PDB file of N, CA and C in Angstrom:
ATOM      1  N   MET A   1       0.888  -1.321   0.028  1.00  0.00           N
ATOM      2  CA  MET A   1       0.063  -0.148  -0.136  1.00  0.00           C
ATOM      3  C   MET A   1       0.961   1.191  -0.274  1.00  0.00           C
ATOM      4  N   GLU A   2       0.320   2.365  -0.782  1.00  0.00           N
ATOM      5  CA  GLU A   2       1.202   3.128  -0.864  1.00  0.00           C
ATOM      6  C   GLU A   2       0.758   4.405  -0.021  1.00  0.00           C
ATOM      7  N   THR A   3       1.074   5.543   0.412  1.00  0.00           N
ATOM      8  CA  THR A   3       0.496   6.704   1.001  1.00  0.00           C
ATOM      9  C   THR A   3       1.391   7.805   0.538  1.00  0.00           C
ATOM     10  N   LYS A   4       0.533   9.060   0.287  1.00  0.00           N
ATOM     11  CA  LYS A   4       1.267   9.930  -0.193  1.00  0.00           C
ATOM     12  C   LYS A   4       0.628  11.317   0.554  1.00  0.00           C
ATOM     13  N   ALA A   5       1.708  12.204   1.342  1.00  0.00           N
ATOM     14  CA  ALA A   5       1.498  13.879   1.765  1.00  0.00           C
ATOM     15  C   ALA A   5       1.568  14.811   0.954  1.00  0.00           C
ATOM     16  N   LYS A   6       1.185  16.016   1.248  1.00  0.00           N
ATOM     17  CA  LYS A   6       1.783  16.939   0.240  1.00  0.00           C
ATOM     18  C   LYS A   6       1.917  18.071   1.053  1.00  0.00           C
ATOM     19  N   ARG A   7       2.612  18.733   0.691  1.00  0.00           N
ATOM     20  CA  ARG A   7       2.702  20.395   1.614  1.00  0.00           C
ATOM     21  C   ARG A   7       3.281  21.278   0.858  1.00  0.00           C
ATOM     22  N   THR A   8       3.009  22.817   0.919  1.00  0.00           N
ATOM     23  CA  THR A   8       4.165  23.598   0.764  1.00  0.00           C
ATOM     24  C   THR A   8       4.478  24.137   1.971  1.00  0.00           C
ATOM     25  N   LEU A   9       5.292  23.963   2.277  1.00  0.00           N
ATOM     26  CA  LEU A   9       6.226  24.521   3.558  1.00  0.00           C
ATOM     27  C   LEU A   9       7.069  25.808   3.411  1.00  0.00           C
ATOM     28  N   VAL A  10       6.819  26.948   3.966  1.00  0.00           N
ATOM     29  CA  VAL A  10       7.323  28.466   4.233  1.00  0.00           C
ATOM     30  C   VAL A  10       9.103  28.027   4.768  1.00  0.00           C
ATOM     31  N   LYS A  11       9.708  27.182   4.010  1.00  0.00           N
ATOM     32  CA  LYS A  11      11.033  27.303   4.172  1.00  0.00           C
ATOM     33  C   LYS A  11      11.705  27.103   2.515  1.00  0.00           C
ATOM     34  N   SER A  12      13.240  27.140   2.414  1.00  0.00           N
ATOM     35  CA  SER A  12      14.188  27.220   1.384  1.00  0.00           C
ATOM     36  C   SER A  12      14.120  25.477   0.888  1.00  0.00           C
ATOM     37  N   ALA A  13      14.140  25.065   0.124  1.00  0.00           N
ATOM     38  CA  ALA A  13      14.526  23.539  -0.327  1.00  0.00           C
ATOM     39  C   ALA A  13      15.925  23.122   0.425  1.00  0.00           C
ATOM     40  N   PRO A  14      17.051  24.497   0.800  1.00  0.00           N
ATOM     41  CA  PRO A  14      18.060  23.790   1.326  1.00  0.00           C
ATOM     42  C   PRO A  14      18.129  23.670   3.006  1.00  0.00           C
ATOM     43  N   GLU A  15      17.002  24.858   3.251  1.00  0.00           N
ATOM     44  CA  GLU A  15      16.967  24.667   5.033  1.00  0.00           C
ATOM     45  C   GLU A  15      16.199  22.700   5.029  1.00  0.00           C
ATOM     46  N   LEU A  16      15.131  22.749   4.250  1.00  0.00           N
ATOM     47  CA  LEU A  16      14.547  21.574   3.900  1.00  0.00           C
ATOM     48  C   LEU A  16      15.238  20.300   3.771  1.00  0.00           C
ATOM     49  N   TRP A  17      16.306  20.197   2.784  1.00  0.00           N
ATOM     50  CA  TRP A  17      17.246  19.211   2.357  1.00  0.00           C
ATOM     51  C   TRP A  17      17.873  19.144   3.495  1.00  0.00           C
ATOM     52  N   MET A  18      18.501  19.714   4.281  1.00  0.00           N
ATOM     53  CA  MET A  18      19.442  19.593   5.851  1.00  0.00           C
ATOM     54  C   MET A  18      18.373  18.781   6.944  1.00  0.00           C
ATOM     55  N   LEU A  19      17.128  19.112   6.742  1.00  0.00           N
ATOM     56  CA  LEU A  19      16.742  18.361   8.179  1.00  0.00           C
ATOM     57  C   LEU A  19      16.109  16.875   7.153  1.00  0.00           C
ATOM     58  N   ALA A  20      15.727  16.474   6.037  1.00  0.00           N
ATOM     59  CA  ALA A  20      15.562  15.039   5.675  1.00  0.00           C
ATOM     60  C   ALA A  20      16.665  14.166   4.996  1.00  0.00           C
ATOM     61  N   ASP A  21      17.743  15.306   5.041  1.00  0.00           N
ATOM     62  CA  ASP A  21      19.219  14.260   4.407  1.00  0.00           C
ATOM     63  C   ASP A  21      19.669  13.869   5.964  1.00  0.00           C
ATOM     64  N   ASP A  22      18.711  13.504   6.639  1.00  0.00           N
ATOM     65  CA  ASP A  22      19.802  13.332   7.844  1.00  0.00           C
ATOM     66  C   ASP A  22      19.441  11.629   8.135  1.00  0.00           C
ATOM     67  N   LEU A  23      20.529  10.696   8.483  1.00  0.00           N
ATOM     68  CA  LEU A  23      20.534   9.818   8.567  1.00  0.00           C
ATOM     69  C   LEU A  23      19.005   9.282  10.229  1.00  0.00           C
ATOM     70  N   GLU A  24      19.590   9.680  10.934  1.00  0.00           N
ATOM     71  CA  GLU A  24      19.006   9.468  12.446  1.00  0.00           C
ATOM     72  C   GLU A  24      17.735   9.618  12.414  1.00  0.00           C
ATOM     73  N   ARG A  25      17.093  10.667  11.700  1.00  0.00           N
ATOM     74  CA  ARG A  25      15.960  11.400  11.005  1.00  0.00           C
ATOM     75  C   ARG A  25      14.679  10.523  10.259  1.00  0.00           C
ATOM     76  N   MET A  26      16.085   9.764   9.040  1.00  0.00           N
ATOM     77  CA  MET A  26      15.270   8.845   8.447  1.00  0.00           C
ATOM     78  C   MET A  26      14.782   7.976   8.567  1.00  0.00           C
ATOM     79  N   GLU A  27      15.722   7.380   9.886  1.00  0.00           N
ATOM     80  CA  GLU A  27      15.495   6.182  11.009  1.00  0.00           C
ATOM     81  C   GLU A  27      14.268   6.035  11.650  1.00  0.00           C
ATOM     82  N   THR A  28      14.155   6.956  12.255  1.00  0.00           N
ATOM     83  CA  THR A  28      12.750   7.594  13.047  1.00  0.00           C
ATOM     84  C   THR A  28      11.986   7.491  12.330  1.00  0.00           C
ATOM     85  N   TRP A  29      11.989   8.282  11.212  1.00  0.00           N
ATOM     86  CA  TRP A  29      10.462   8.737  10.313  1.00  0.00           C
ATOM     87  C   TRP A  29       9.996   6.782   9.878  1.00  0.00           C
ATOM     88  N   MET A  30      11.363   5.976   9.400  1.00  0.00           N
ATOM     89  CA  MET A  30      10.947   4.693   8.771  1.00  0.00           C
ATOM     90  C   MET A  30      10.433   3.890  10.381  1.00  0.00           C
ATOM     91  N   GLY A  31      10.787   4.119  11.464  1.00  0.00           N
ATOM     92  CA  GLY A  31      10.230   3.679  12.261  1.00  0.00           C
ATOM     93  C   GLY A  31       8.770   4.018  12.283  1.00  0.00           C
ATOM     94  N   GLY A  32       8.507   5.212  12.546  1.00  0.00           N
ATOM     95  CA  GLY A  32       7.092   5.634  12.393  1.00  0.00           C
ATOM     96  C   GLY A  32       6.005   4.596  11.219  1.00  0.00           C
ATOM     97  N   ILE A  33       6.549   4.990  10.000  1.00  0.00           N
ATOM     98  CA  ILE A  33       5.989   4.317   9.684  1.00  0.00           C
ATOM     99  C   ILE A  33       6.361   2.601   9.524  1.00  0.00           C
ATOM    100  N   VAL A  34       6.458   2.182   9.911  1.00  0.00           N
ATOM    101  CA  VAL A  34       6.418   0.517  10.239  1.00  0.00           C
ATOM    102  C   VAL A  34       5.576   0.219  11.997  1.00  0.00           C
ATOM    103  N   GLY A  35       5.464   1.195  12.547  1.00  0.00           N
ATOM    104  CA  GLY A  35       5.136   0.854  13.858  1.00  0.00           C
ATOM    105  C   GLY A  35       5.786   0.823  14.682  1.00  0.00           C
ATOM    106  N   SER A  36       7.063   1.056  14.971  1.00  0.00           N
ATOM    107  CA  SER A  36       7.950   0.662  15.406  1.00  0.00           C
ATOM    108  C   SER A  36       8.360   2.157  16.761  1.00  0.00           C
ATOM    109  N   PRO A  37       8.613   1.700  17.621  1.00  0.00           N
ATOM    110  CA  PRO A  37       9.001   2.714  18.490  1.00  0.00           C
ATOM    111  C   PRO A  37       9.855   3.129  18.315  1.00  0.00           C
ATOM    112  N   ALA A  38      10.896   2.492  18.116  1.00  0.00           N
ATOM    113  CA  ALA A  38      12.452   2.609  17.486  1.00  0.00           C
ATOM    114  C   ALA A  38      12.676   2.795  16.328  1.00  0.00           C
ATOM    115  N   PRO A  39      13.534   3.951  16.057  1.00  0.00           N
ATOM    116  CA  PRO A  39      14.142   3.704  14.784  1.00  0.00           C
ATOM    117  C   PRO A  39      14.698   2.654  14.117  1.00  0.00           C
ATOM    118  N   VAL A  40      14.459   2.519  12.921  1.00  0.00           N
ATOM    119  CA  VAL A  40      14.299   1.179  12.149  1.00  0.00           C
ATOM    120  C   VAL A  40      15.992   1.699  11.176  1.00  0.00           C
ATOM    121  N   ALA A  41      16.930   0.395  10.996  1.00  0.00           N
ATOM    122  CA  ALA A  41      17.970   1.021   9.973  1.00  0.00           C
ATOM    123  C   ALA A  41      17.278   1.095   8.287  1.00  0.00           C
ATOM    124  N   ILE A  42      18.033   1.975   7.783  1.00  0.00           N
ATOM    125  CA  ILE A  42      17.776   1.929   6.152  1.00  0.00           C
ATOM    126  C   ILE A  42      18.885   1.883   5.166  1.00  0.00           C
ATOM    127  N   GLU A  43      18.724   2.241   4.287  1.00  0.00           N
ATOM    128  CA  GLU A  43      19.412   1.814   3.249  1.00  0.00           C
ATOM    129  C   GLU A  43      19.238   2.970   1.747  1.00  0.00           C
ATOM    130  N   ILE A  44      19.942   3.972   1.799  1.00  0.00           N
ATOM    131  CA  ILE A  44      19.590   5.461   0.867  1.00  0.00           C
ATOM    132  C   ILE A  44      19.494   4.557  -0.560  1.00  0.00           C
ATOM    133  N   SER A  45      18.161   4.744  -1.156  1.00  0.00           N
ATOM    134  CA  SER A  45      18.642   4.023  -2.824  1.00  0.00           C
ATOM    135  C   SER A  45      18.964   4.993  -3.846  1.00  0.00           C
ATOM    136  N   LYS A  46      18.507   6.106  -3.314  1.00  0.00           N
ATOM    137  CA  LYS A  46      18.522   7.191  -4.615  1.00  0.00           C
ATOM    138  C   LYS A  46      18.676   8.802  -3.788  1.00  0.00           C
ATOM    139  N   ARG A  47      19.363   9.057  -4.074  1.00  0.00           N
ATOM    140  CA  ARG A  47      19.491  10.816  -3.643  1.00  0.00           C
ATOM    141  C   ARG A  47      20.027  11.644  -4.937  1.00  0.00           C
ATOM    142  N   VAL A  48      19.366  12.485  -4.890  1.00  0.00           N
ATOM    143  CA  VAL A  48      19.801  13.894  -5.922  1.00  0.00           C
ATOM    144  C   VAL A  48      19.507  15.124  -5.228  1.00  0.00           C
ATOM    145  N   PRO A  49      20.607  15.024  -4.872  1.00  0.00           N
ATOM    146  CA  PRO A  49      21.024  16.230  -3.840  1.00  0.00           C
ATOM    147  C   PRO A  49      19.959  17.617  -3.858  1.00  0.00           C
ATOM    148  N   GLY A  50      19.723  17.925  -2.922  1.00  0.00           N
ATOM    149  CA  GLY A  50      18.612  19.660  -2.752  1.00  0.00           C
ATOM    150  C   GLY A  50      17.153  19.187  -3.480  1.00  0.00           C
ATOM    151  N   ARG A  51      17.210  17.929  -3.753  1.00  0.00           N
ATOM    152  CA  ARG A  51      15.376  17.338  -4.287  1.00  0.00           C
ATOM    153  C   ARG A  51      14.803  16.362  -3.912  1.00  0.00           C
ATOM    154  N   PHE A  52      15.522  15.034  -3.791  1.00  0.00           N
ATOM    155  CA  PHE A  52      15.174  13.845  -4.071  1.00  0.00           C
ATOM    156  C   PHE A  52      15.671  13.030  -2.949  1.00  0.00           C
ATOM    157  N   LEU A  53      15.431  12.670  -2.211  1.00  0.00           N
ATOM    158  CA  LEU A  53      15.398  10.769  -1.306  1.00  0.00           C
ATOM    159  C   LEU A  53      14.726   9.991  -1.247  1.00  0.00           C
ATOM    160  N   GLU A  54      15.294   8.672  -1.518  1.00  0.00           N
ATOM    161  CA  GLU A  54      14.505   7.541  -1.137  1.00  0.00           C
ATOM    162  C   GLU A  54      15.200   6.424  -0.660  1.00  0.00           C
ATOM    163  N   TRP A  55      14.333   5.756   0.678  1.00  0.00           N
ATOM    164  CA  TRP A  55      15.418   5.179   1.238  1.00  0.00           C
ATOM    165  C   TRP A  55      14.296   4.162   1.269  1.00  0.00           C
ATOM    166  N   ARG A  56      14.886   2.552   1.812  1.00  0.00           N
ATOM    167  CA  ARG A  56      14.191   1.612   2.377  1.00  0.00           C
ATOM    168  C   ARG A  56      14.994   0.986   3.704  1.00  0.00           C
ATOM    169  N   SER A  57      13.810   0.259   4.283  1.00  0.00           N
ATOM    170  CA  SER A  57      14.138  -0.589   5.800  1.00  0.00           C
ATOM    171  C   SER A  57      15.093  -1.485   5.107  1.00  0.00           C
ATOM    172  N   VAL A  58      15.887  -1.948   6.034  1.00  0.00           N
ATOM    173  CA  VAL A  58      16.661  -2.933   6.152  1.00  0.00           C
ATOM    174  C   VAL A  58      16.402  -3.721   6.924  1.00  0.00           C
ATOM    175  N   ALA A  59      15.536  -3.781   7.917  1.00  0.00           N
ATOM    176  CA  ALA A  59      15.674  -4.618   9.159  1.00  0.00           C
ATOM    177  C   ALA A  59      14.339  -5.208   9.351  1.00  0.00           C
ATOM    178  N   SER A  60      13.039  -4.499   8.032  1.00  0.00           N
ATOM    179  CA  SER A  60      12.163  -5.199   8.546  1.00  0.00           C
ATOM    180  C   SER A  60      11.676  -5.924   7.559  1.00  0.00           C
ATOM    181  N   VAL A  61      10.681  -6.998   7.591  1.00  0.00           N
ATOM    182  CA  VAL A  61      10.471  -8.288   7.293  1.00  0.00           C
ATOM    183  C   VAL A  61       9.613  -7.639   5.778  1.00  0.00           C
ATOM    184  N   SER A  62       8.990  -6.393   6.223  1.00  0.00           N
ATOM    185  CA  SER A  62       7.993  -5.786   4.606  1.00  0.00           C
ATOM    186  C   SER A  62       8.798  -4.918   3.760  1.00  0.00           C
ATOM    187  N   GLU A  63       8.946  -5.084   2.568  1.00  0.00           N
ATOM    188  CA  GLU A  63       9.428  -4.189   1.672  1.00  0.00           C
ATOM    189  C   GLU A  63       9.089  -2.872   2.055  1.00  0.00           C
ATOM    190  N   THR A  64       9.383  -2.096   2.985  1.00  0.00           N
ATOM    191  CA  THR A  64       8.914  -0.580   3.105  1.00  0.00           C
ATOM    192  C   THR A  64      10.141   0.184   2.512  1.00  0.00           C
ATOM    193  N   CYS A  65       9.596   1.633   1.989  1.00  0.00           N
ATOM    194  CA  CYS A  65      10.234   2.275   1.233  1.00  0.00           C
ATOM    195  C   CYS A  65       9.818   3.633   1.493  1.00  0.00           C
ATOM    196  N   MET A  66      10.509   4.901   1.713  1.00  0.00           N
ATOM    197  CA  MET A  66       9.734   6.016   1.774  1.00  0.00           C
ATOM    198  C   MET A  66      10.828   6.831   0.624  1.00  0.00           C
ATOM    199  N   LYS A  67      10.010   7.883   0.333  1.00  0.00           N
ATOM    200  CA  LYS A  67      10.657   8.937  -0.594  1.00  0.00           C
ATOM    201  C   LYS A  67      10.249  10.532  -0.227  1.00  0.00           C
ATOM    202  N   VAL A  68      11.337  11.289  -0.273  1.00  0.00           N
ATOM    203  CA  VAL A  68      11.086  12.798   0.005  1.00  0.00           C
ATOM    204  C   VAL A  68      11.286  13.697  -1.096  1.00  0.00           C
ATOM    205  N   ALA A  69      10.206  14.299  -2.220  1.00  0.00           N
ATOM    206  CA  ALA A  69      10.542  15.113  -3.486  1.00  0.00           C
ATOM    207  C   ALA A  69      10.228  16.731  -2.741  1.00  0.00           C
ATOM    208  N   LEU A  70      11.051  17.607  -3.521  1.00  0.00           N
ATOM    209  CA  LEU A  70      11.467  19.098  -2.979  1.00  0.00           C
ATOM    210  C   LEU A  70      11.427  19.715  -3.998  1.00  0.00           C
ATOM    211  N   HIS A  71      10.329  20.852  -4.464  1.00  0.00           N
ATOM    212  CA  HIS A  71      10.356  21.768  -5.500  1.00  0.00           C
ATOM    213  C   HIS A  71       9.535  22.741  -5.014  1.00  0.00           C
ATOM    214  N   GLU A  72      10.591  23.502  -5.779  1.00  0.00           N
ATOM    215  CA  GLU A  72      10.464  25.239  -5.176  1.00  0.00           C
ATOM    216  C   GLU A  72       9.067  25.591  -5.825  1.00  0.00           C
ATOM    217  N   SER A  73       8.116  26.292  -4.801  1.00  0.00           N
ATOM    218  CA  SER A  73       6.928  26.498  -5.063  1.00  0.00           C
ATOM    219  C   SER A  73       6.632  27.776  -4.902  1.00  0.00           C
ATOM    220  N   GLY A  74       6.637  28.851  -5.315  1.00  0.00           N
ATOM    221  CA  GLY A  74       6.430  30.197  -4.862  1.00  0.00           C
ATOM    222  C   GLY A  74       7.053  30.940  -3.757  1.00  0.00           C
ATOM    223  N   PHE A  75       6.147  31.231  -2.536  1.00  0.00           N
ATOM    224  CA  PHE A  75       6.756  31.917  -1.339  1.00  0.00           C
ATOM    225  C   PHE A  75       6.962  30.125  -0.166  1.00  0.00           C
ATOM    226  N   GLY A  76       7.521  29.382  -0.969  1.00  0.00           N
ATOM    227  CA  GLY A  76       8.151  28.344  -0.107  1.00  0.00           C
ATOM    228  C   GLY A  76       8.543  26.966  -0.727  1.00  0.00           C
ATOM    229  N   THR A  77       8.620  26.027  -0.455  1.00  0.00           N
ATOM    230  CA  THR A  77       8.977  24.617  -0.959  1.00  0.00           C
ATOM    231  C   THR A  77       7.855  23.594  -0.586  1.00  0.00           C
ATOM    232  N   ALA A  78       7.342  22.952  -2.259  1.00  0.00           N
ATOM    233  CA  ALA A  78       6.292  21.890  -1.784  1.00  0.00           C
ATOM    234  C   ALA A  78       7.322  20.591  -1.586  1.00  0.00           C
ATOM    235  N   VAL A  79       6.622  19.969  -0.480  1.00  0.00           N
ATOM    236  CA  VAL A  79       7.120  18.873  -0.033  1.00  0.00           C
ATOM    237  C   VAL A  79       6.327  17.574  -0.305  1.00  0.00           C
ATOM    238  N   GLU A  80       6.565  16.608  -1.048  1.00  0.00           N
ATOM    239  CA  GLU A  80       5.587  15.262  -0.981  1.00  0.00           C
ATOM    240  C   GLU A  80       6.391  14.301  -0.633  1.00  0.00           C
ATOM    241  N   ILE A  81       5.882  13.876   0.566  1.00  0.00           N
ATOM    242  CA  ILE A  81       6.139  12.303   1.124  1.00  0.00           C
ATOM    243  C   ILE A  81       5.742  11.216   0.811  1.00  0.00           C
ATOM    244  N   THR A  82       6.174  10.275   0.303  1.00  0.00           N
ATOM    245  CA  THR A  82       5.209   8.784  -0.296  1.00  0.00           C
ATOM    246  C   THR A  82       6.260   7.793   0.608  1.00  0.00           C
ATOM    247  N   ALA A  83       5.193   7.097   1.508  1.00  0.00           N
ATOM    248  CA  ALA A  83       5.691   5.601   2.209  1.00  0.00           C
ATOM    249  C   ALA A  83       5.014   4.632   1.313  1.00  0.00           C
ATOM    250  N   ALA A  84       5.880   3.520   0.952  1.00  0.00           N
ATOM    251  CA  ALA A  84       4.878   2.133   0.520  1.00  0.00           C
ATOM    252  C   ALA A  84       5.518   1.295   1.439  1.00  0.00           C
ATOM    253  N   ASN A  85       4.481   0.734   1.974  1.00  0.00           N
ATOM    254  CA  ASN A  85       4.912  -0.495   3.397  1.00  0.00           C
ATOM    255  C   ASN A  85       3.491  -1.860   2.844  1.00  0.00           C
ATOM    256  N   PRO A  86       3.806  -2.635   2.802  1.00  0.00           N
ATOM    257  CA  PRO A  86       2.537  -3.624   2.154  1.00  0.00           C
ATOM    258  C   PRO A  86       1.613  -3.767   3.775  1.00  0.00           C
ATOM    259  N   SER A  87       2.092  -3.269   4.924  1.00  0.00           N
ATOM    260  CA  SER A  87       0.914  -3.699   5.829  1.00  0.00           C
ATOM    261  C   SER A  87       0.618  -2.142   6.640  1.00  0.00           C
ATOM    262  N   ALA A  88       0.792  -1.356   5.871  1.00  0.00           N
ATOM    263  CA  ALA A  88       0.240  -0.068   6.790  1.00  0.00           C
ATOM    264  C   ALA A  88      -1.263   0.261   6.228  1.00  0.00           C
ATOM    265  N   GLY A  89      -1.447   0.488   7.525  1.00  0.00           N
ATOM    266  CA  GLY A  89      -3.156   1.071   7.523  1.00  0.00           C
ATOM    267  C   GLY A  89      -3.431   2.719   7.812  1.00  0.00           C
ATOM    268  N   PRO A  90      -4.529   2.524   8.462  1.00  0.00           N
ATOM    269  CA  PRO A  90      -4.738   4.336   7.960  1.00  0.00           C
ATOM    270  C   PRO A  90      -3.937   5.041   9.010  1.00  0.00           C
ATOM    271  N   LEU A  91      -2.755   4.377  10.158  1.00  0.00           N
ATOM    272  CA  LEU A  91      -1.573   5.129  10.559  1.00  0.00           C
ATOM    273  C   LEU A  91      -0.891   5.910   9.893  1.00  0.00           C
ATOM    274  N   ALA A  92      -0.936   5.303   8.438  1.00  0.00           N
ATOM    275  CA  ALA A  92       0.357   5.810   7.656  1.00  0.00           C
ATOM    276  C   ALA A  92       0.125   6.915   7.301  1.00  0.00           C
ATOM    277  N   ASP A  93      -1.224   7.159   7.204  1.00  0.00           N
ATOM    278  CA  ASP A  93      -1.563   9.264   6.779  1.00  0.00           C
ATOM    279  C   ASP A  93      -0.850  10.019   7.705  1.00  0.00           C
ATOM    280  N   ASP A  94      -1.233   9.505   9.122  1.00  0.00           N
ATOM    281  CA  ASP A  94      -1.447  10.776   9.953  1.00  0.00           C
ATOM    282  C   ASP A  94       0.513  10.807  10.375  1.00  0.00           C
ATOM    283  N   ALA A  95       1.357   9.440  10.211  1.00  0.00           N
ATOM    284  CA  ALA A  95       2.482   9.624  10.374  1.00  0.00           C
ATOM    285  C   ALA A  95       3.264  10.655   9.122  1.00  0.00           C
ATOM    286  N   LEU A  96       2.795  10.608   8.040  1.00  0.00           N
ATOM    287  CA  LEU A  96       3.329  11.097   7.324  1.00  0.00           C
ATOM    288  C   LEU A  96       2.778  12.824   7.475  1.00  0.00           C
ATOM    289  N   GLU A  97       1.536  13.152   7.787  1.00  0.00           N
ATOM    290  CA  GLU A  97       1.115  14.459   8.081  1.00  0.00           C
ATOM    291  C   GLU A  97       2.093  14.973   9.452  1.00  0.00           C
ATOM    292  N   ARG A  98       2.513  14.429  10.500  1.00  0.00           N
ATOM    293  CA  ARG A  98       3.530  14.390  11.585  1.00  0.00           C
ATOM    294  C   ARG A  98       5.039  14.858  10.646  1.00  0.00           C
ATOM    295  N   LEU A  99       5.402  13.689   9.841  1.00  0.00           N
ATOM    296  CA  LEU A  99       6.545  14.445   9.358  1.00  0.00           C
ATOM    297  C   LEU A  99       6.756  15.575   8.585  1.00  0.00           C
ATOM    298  N   LEU A 100       5.740  16.045   7.686  1.00  0.00           N
ATOM    299  CA  LEU A 100       5.316  17.583   7.417  1.00  0.00           C
ATOM    300  C   LEU A 100       5.173  18.447   8.677  1.00  0.00           C
ATOM    301  N   ASP A 101       4.638  18.308   9.809  1.00  0.00           N
ATOM    302  CA  ASP A 101       4.370  19.109  10.365  1.00  0.00           C
ATOM    303  C   ASP A 101       6.021  19.689  11.679  1.00  0.00           C
ATOM    304  N   GLU A 102       6.972  17.978  11.620  1.00  0.00           N
ATOM    305  CA  GLU A 102       8.364  18.512  11.674  1.00  0.00           C
ATOM    306  C   GLU A 102       9.102  19.186  10.956  1.00  0.00           C
ATOM    307  N   LEU A 103       9.058  19.026   9.149  1.00  0.00           N
ATOM    308  CA  LEU A 103       9.450  19.432   9.035  1.00  0.00           C
ATOM    309  C   LEU A 103       9.108  20.989   8.484  1.00  0.00           C
ATOM    310  N   GLY A 104       7.849  21.068   8.788  1.00  0.00           N
ATOM    311  CA  GLY A 104       7.595  22.910   8.682  1.00  0.00           C
ATOM    312  C   GLY A 104       7.737  23.804  10.162  1.00  0.00           C
ATOM    313  N   SER A 105       7.847  23.196  11.038  1.00  0.00           N
ATOM    314  CA  SER A 105       8.053  23.530  12.347  1.00  0.00           C
ATOM    315  C   SER A 105       9.234  24.581  12.715  1.00  0.00           C
ATOM    316  N   PRO A 106       8.981  26.153  12.927  1.00  0.00           N
ATOM    317  CA  PRO A 106      10.001  26.348  13.084  1.00  0.00           C
ATOM    318  C   PRO A 106      11.250  26.283  14.080  1.00  0.00           C
ATOM    319  N   ASP A 107      12.297  26.772  13.672  1.00  0.00           N
ATOM    320  CA  ASP A 107      13.687  26.125  14.231  1.00  0.00           C
ATOM    321  C   ASP A 107      13.305  26.826  15.677  1.00  0.00           C
ATOM    322  N   ARG A 108      13.809  26.349  16.756  1.00  0.00           N
ATOM    323  CA  ARG A 108      13.456  26.750  17.860  1.00  0.00           C
ATOM    324  C   ARG A 108      15.313  27.179  18.446  1.00  0.00           C
ATOM    325  N   ARG A 109      15.721  28.395  18.423  1.00  0.00           N
ATOM    326  CA  ARG A 109      17.615  28.258  19.006  1.00  0.00           C
ATOM    327  C   ARG A 109      17.015  29.576  19.910  1.00  0.00           C
ATOM    328  N   PRO A 110      17.918  29.297  21.268  1.00  0.00           N
ATOM    329  CA  PRO A 110      17.923  29.534  22.236  1.00  0.00           C
ATOM    330  C   PRO A 110      18.694  31.596  21.780  1.00  0.00           C
ATOM    331  N   PHE A 111      18.387  31.984  22.787  1.00  0.00           N
ATOM    332  CA  PHE A 111      18.839  33.674  22.509  1.00  0.00           C
ATOM    333  C   PHE A 111      19.814  34.057  23.297  1.00  0.00           C
ATOM    334  N   SER A 112      20.934  33.872  22.739  1.00  0.00           N
ATOM    335  CA  SER A 112      22.468  34.110  22.804  1.00  0.00           C
ATOM    336  C   SER A 112      22.780  35.812  23.320  1.00  0.00           C
ATOM    337  N   THR A 113      23.383  35.577  24.804  1.00  0.00           N
ATOM    338  CA  THR A 113      24.146  36.681  24.806  1.00  0.00           C
ATOM    339  C   THR A 113      25.385  37.198  24.196  1.00  0.00           C
ATOM    340  N   GLY A 114      25.415  38.201  23.626  1.00  0.00           N
ATOM    341  CA  GLY A 114      26.428  38.518  23.001  1.00  0.00           C
ATOM    342  C   GLY A 114      27.882  39.844  23.979  1.00  0.00           C
TER     343      GLY A 114
END
């Protein structure tokens, strides 16, 4: 079963790329899609810097893969996340929406005293 979520986020493609192209984050996202409370080991199968990432689980019995595509769109970046998981249920839709929320949330940086 394939699940998709799309949203235009008010961040630049390079900002979003830095967030998405992070091994720990991809493993955590995969855990959410396969229903694991822990991160799931992944293998990157395709990378087009700044535009497209595709990875798949290596520890899961099911053939689960995820894709993130970034496209400039007006005042932000269109983000499309796709998850293919044969055993995915309705929770996968919610998981993808949470991923978009995470990517779109503002960075919280502490004030520094100079």
